[in-house]
C-alpha atoms as a PDB file:
ATOM      1  CA  MET A   1     236.404  33.843 121.025  1.00  0.00           C
ATOM      2  CA  ASN A   2     232.921  34.053 122.579  1.00  0.00           C
ATOM      3  CA  GLN A   3     232.330  30.906 124.590  1.00  0.00           C
ATOM      4  CA  PRO A   4     229.078  30.368 126.435  1.00  0.00           C
ATOM      5  CA  PRO A   5     229.448  30.409 130.208  1.00  0.00           C
ATOM      6  CA  PRO A   6     230.112  26.989 131.788  1.00  0.00           C
ATOM      7  CA  ASN A   7     226.578  26.759 133.187  1.00  0.00           C
ATOM      8  CA  ASP A   8     224.884  27.916 129.984  1.00  0.00           C
ATOM      9  CA  SER A   9     221.382  26.488 129.612  1.00  0.00           C
ATOM     10  CA  ARG A  10     220.879  27.379 125.951  1.00  0.00           C
ATOM     11  CA  PRO A  11     221.332  23.825 124.646  1.00  0.00           C
ATOM     12  CA  TYR A  12     218.481  22.678 126.880  1.00  0.00           C
ATOM     13  CA  ARG A  13     215.988  25.432 126.079  1.00  0.00           C
ATOM     14  CA  ARG A  14     214.486  23.557 123.146  1.00  0.00           C
ATOM     15  CA  THR A  15     214.185  20.397 125.207  1.00  0.00           C
ATOM     16  CA  ARG A  16     212.365  22.315 127.954  1.00  0.00           C
ATOM     17  CA  LYS A  17     210.114  24.022 125.408  1.00  0.00           C
ATOM     18  CA  ASP A  18     209.329  20.700 123.707  1.00  0.00           C
ATOM     19  CA  HIS A  19     208.586  19.105 127.071  1.00  0.00           C
ATOM     20  CA  ALA A  20     206.275  21.985 127.997  1.00  0.00           C
ATOM     21  CA  SER A  21     204.395  21.497 124.707  1.00  0.00           C
ATOM     22  CA  GLU A  22     204.088  17.757 125.342  1.00  0.00           C
ATOM     23  CA  THR A  23     202.743  18.424 128.827  1.00  0.00           C
ATOM     24  CA  ALA A  24     200.197  20.920 127.477  1.00  0.00           C
ATOM     25  CA  GLU A  25     199.040  18.421 124.848  1.00  0.00           C
ATOM     26  CA  ASP A  26     198.740  15.614 127.395  1.00  0.00           C
ATOM     27  CA  TYR A  27     196.821  17.802 129.843  1.00  0.00           C
ATOM     28  CA  VAL A  28     194.294  19.224 127.371  1.00  0.00           C
ATOM     29  CA  GLU A  29     193.724  15.758 125.905  1.00  0.00           C
ATOM     30  CA  ALA A  30     193.199  14.351 129.418  1.00  0.00           C
ATOM     31  CA  ILE A  31     190.876  17.220 130.348  1.00  0.00           C
ATOM     32  CA  ALA A  32     188.788  16.656 127.206  1.00  0.00           C
ATOM     33  CA  ASP A  33     188.651  12.883 127.819  1.00  0.00           C
ATOM     34  CA  THR A  34     187.663  13.358 131.470  1.00  0.00           C
ATOM     35  CA  ILE A  35     184.947  15.863 130.581  1.00  0.00           C
ATOM     36  CA  ARG A  36     183.628  13.478 127.913  1.00  0.00           C
ATOM     37  CA  GLU A  37     183.642  10.506 130.320  1.00  0.00           C
ATOM     38  CA  ARG A  38     182.539  12.178 133.573  1.00  0.00           C
ATOM     39  CA  GLY A  39     180.961  15.465 132.560  1.00  0.00           C
ATOM     40  CA  SER A  40     183.596  17.605 134.284  1.00  0.00           C
ATOM     41  CA  CYS A  41     187.287  17.658 135.150  1.00  0.00           C
ATOM     42  CA  ARG A  42     188.965  18.816 138.342  1.00  0.00           C
ATOM     43  CA  GLY A  43     192.574  19.048 139.394  1.00  0.00           C
ATOM     44  CA  ASN A  44     192.224  15.905 141.528  1.00  0.00           C
ATOM     45  CA  ASP A  45     191.201  13.944 138.433  1.00  0.00           C
ATOM     46  CA  LEU A  46     194.385  14.997 136.654  1.00  0.00           C
ATOM     47  CA  ALA A  47     196.598  14.344 139.688  1.00  0.00           C
ATOM     48  CA  LYS A  48     195.295  10.767 139.879  1.00  0.00           C
ATOM     49  CA  LEU A  49     195.553  10.234 136.134  1.00  0.00           C
ATOM     50  CA  PHE A  50     199.125  11.502 135.816  1.00  0.00           C
ATOM     51  CA  GLY A  51     200.312  10.282 139.222  1.00  0.00           C
ATOM     52  CA  VAL A  52     201.460  13.736 140.300  1.00  0.00           C
ATOM     53  CA  SER A  53     200.677  16.038 143.213  1.00  0.00           C
ATOM     54  CA  ASN A  54     197.854  18.558 143.249  1.00  0.00           C
ATOM     55  CA  VAL A  55     200.527  21.274 143.416  1.00  0.00           C
ATOM     56  CA  THR A  56     202.034  20.040 140.145  1.00  0.00           C
ATOM     57  CA  VAL A  57     198.604  20.033 138.512  1.00  0.00           C
ATOM     58  CA  THR A  58     197.856  23.535 139.810  1.00  0.00           C
ATOM     59  CA  LYS A  59     201.126  24.907 138.420  1.00  0.00           C
ATOM     60  CA  THR A  60     200.461  23.272 135.065  1.00  0.00           C
ATOM     61  CA  ILE A  61     196.875  24.545 134.924  1.00  0.00           C
ATOM     62  CA  VAL A  62     198.093  28.088 135.684  1.00  0.00           C
ATOM     63  CA  ARG A  63     200.488  27.801 132.729  1.00  0.00           C
ATOM     64  CA  LEU A  64     197.722  26.421 130.485  1.00  0.00           C
ATOM     65  CA  ARG A  65     195.469  29.306 131.515  1.00  0.00           C
ATOM     66  CA  THR A  66     198.257  31.778 130.675  1.00  0.00           C
ATOM     67  CA  GLU A  67     198.564  30.108 127.261  1.00  0.00           C
ATOM     68  CA  GLY A  68     194.819  30.488 126.709  1.00  0.00           C
ATOM     69  CA  LEU A  69     194.080  26.760 126.724  1.00  0.00           C
ATOM     70  CA  VAL A  70     191.874  26.515 129.832  1.00  0.00           C
ATOM     71  CA  ASP A  71     189.522  28.644 131.901  1.00  0.00           C
ATOM     72  CA  THR A  72     189.493  28.120 135.644  1.00  0.00           C
ATOM     73  CA  GLU A  73     187.837  29.558 138.698  1.00  0.00           C
ATOM     74  CA  PRO A  74     188.467  28.599 142.329  1.00  0.00           C
ATOM     75  CA  TYR A  75     186.645  25.400 143.320  1.00  0.00           C
ATOM     76  CA  ALA A  76     185.127  25.029 139.850  1.00  0.00           C
ATOM     77  CA  PRO A  77     185.807  22.377 137.216  1.00  0.00           C
ATOM     78  CA  ILE A  78     188.473  23.038 134.589  1.00  0.00           C
ATOM     79  CA  ARG A  79     187.095  24.124 131.210  1.00  0.00           C
ATOM     80  CA  LEU A  80     188.874  24.052 127.876  1.00  0.00           C
ATOM     81  CA  THR A  81     188.842  27.217 125.792  1.00  0.00           C
ATOM     82  CA  ALA A  82     188.221  26.998 122.048  1.00  0.00           C
ATOM     83  CA  LYS A  83     192.003  26.981 121.595  1.00  0.00           C
ATOM     84  CA  GLY A  84     192.305  24.206 124.193  1.00  0.00           C
ATOM     85  CA  LYS A  85     189.584  22.149 122.510  1.00  0.00           C
ATOM     86  CA  THR A  86     191.362  22.489 119.166  1.00  0.00           C
ATOM     87  CA  LEU A  87     194.666  21.349 120.656  1.00  0.00           C
ATOM     88  CA  ALA A  88     192.961  18.474 122.493  1.00  0.00           C
ATOM     89  CA  ALA A  89     191.283  17.262 119.293  1.00  0.00           C
ATOM     90  CA  ARG A  90     194.545  17.472 117.348  1.00  0.00           C
ATOM     91  CA  SER A  91     196.441  15.649 120.097  1.00  0.00           C
ATOM     92  CA  LYS A  92     193.762  12.948 120.328  1.00  0.00           C
ATOM     93  CA  LYS A  93     193.861  12.442 116.559  1.00  0.00           C
ATOM     94  CA  ARG A  94     197.663  12.103 116.570  1.00  0.00           C
ATOM     95  CA  HIS A  95     197.483   9.710 119.500  1.00  0.00           C
ATOM     96  CA  ASP A  96     194.827   7.567 117.819  1.00  0.00           C
ATOM     97  CA  ILE A  97     196.785   7.342 114.556  1.00  0.00           C
ATOM     98  CA  VAL A  98     199.969   6.279 116.348  1.00  0.00           C
ATOM     99  CA  LEU A  99     198.061   3.774 118.500  1.00  0.00           C
ATOM    100  CA  ARG A 100     196.288   2.248 115.491  1.00  0.00           C
ATOM    101  CA  PHE A 101     199.605   2.022 113.620  1.00  0.00           C
ATOM    102  CA  LEU A 102     201.312   0.217 116.487  1.00  0.00           C
ATOM    103  CA  LEU A 103     198.374  -2.173 116.838  1.00  0.00           C
ATOM    104  CA  ALA A 104     198.472  -2.839 113.068  1.00  0.00           C
ATOM    105  CA  LEU A 105     202.121  -3.839 113.478  1.00  0.00           C
ATOM    106  CA  GLY A 106     201.021  -6.508 115.943  1.00  0.00           C
ATOM    107  CA  ILE A 107     202.179  -4.781 119.109  1.00  0.00           C
ATOM    108  CA  SER A 108     200.121  -5.709 122.159  1.00  0.00           C
ATOM    109  CA  ARG A 109     197.514  -3.167 123.204  1.00  0.00           C
ATOM    110  CA  SER A 110     199.131  -2.521 126.587  1.00  0.00           C
ATOM    111  CA  VAL A 111     202.537  -1.777 125.046  1.00  0.00           C
ATOM    112  CA  ALA A 112     201.032   0.169 122.126  1.00  0.00           C
ATOM    113  CA  GLU A 113     199.075   2.391 124.523  1.00  0.00           C
ATOM    114  CA  LEU A 114     202.205   3.163 126.545  1.00  0.00           C
ATOM    115  CA  ASP A 115     204.413   3.755 123.503  1.00  0.00           C
ATOM    116  CA  SER A 116     201.874   5.899 121.674  1.00  0.00           C
ATOM    117  CA  GLU A 117     201.913   8.369 124.588  1.00  0.00           C
ATOM    118  CA  GLY A 118     205.516   9.256 123.825  1.00  0.00           C
ATOM    119  CA  ILE A 119     205.640   8.780 120.075  1.00  0.00           C
ATOM    120  CA  GLU A 120     202.667  11.052 119.352  1.00  0.00           C
ATOM    121  CA  HIS A 121     204.684  14.096 120.415  1.00  0.00           C
ATOM    122  CA  HIS A 122     207.707  13.394 118.250  1.00  0.00           C
ATOM    123  CA  VAL A 123     206.292  12.279 114.927  1.00  0.00           C
ATOM    124  CA  SER A 124     206.047  14.623 111.946  1.00  0.00           C
ATOM    125  CA  GLU A 125     202.915  15.241 109.903  1.00  0.00           C
ATOM    126  CA  GLU A 126     204.560  13.413 106.992  1.00  0.00           C
ATOM    127  CA  THR A 127     205.130  10.359 109.167  1.00  0.00           C
ATOM    128  CA  LEU A 128     201.552  10.513 110.467  1.00  0.00           C
ATOM    129  CA  ARG A 129     200.293  10.516 106.872  1.00  0.00           C
ATOM    130  CA  ALA A 130     202.441   7.450 106.169  1.00  0.00           C
ATOM    131  CA  PHE A 131     201.043   5.746 109.274  1.00  0.00           C
ATOM    132  CA  ARG A 132     197.499   6.471 108.036  1.00  0.00           C
ATOM    133  CA  ARG A 133     198.253   5.098 104.568  1.00  0.00           C
ATOM    134  CA  PHE A 134     199.604   1.929 106.168  1.00  0.00           C
ATOM    135  CA  ILE A 135     196.568   1.577 108.445  1.00  0.00           C
ATOM    136  CA  ASP A 136     194.091   2.223 105.619  1.00  0.00           C
ATOM    137  CA  LYS A 137     195.494  -0.517 103.373  1.00  0.00           C
END
């Protein structure tokens, strides 16, 4: 019988892939928000926002550039590509729907803002539509 090796990482691949997608969504949304609020976004802005090191931000930005979500040049602000802007807008919309739903349920703003950060990545389109119907009543 073919058994996976004892240190097989296959069961965790999806989790890592999902986490990478969540990180990409959070970063492009944060980049878009920072550009909207301040006019530009640099790695230091993201490090402060996410509470991570500049090295972590740099590694993530390199991955986002590889995925075609950002354009970067040394010592220049981070720019979203068209693909990055689309993902940022979609992520922001999902986040806003989840946040508004939680607030409509009577959850405090501080808790709703924290919870919406995680929920937005794990909710289906069908559930988002249901949240919107509930909010719009």
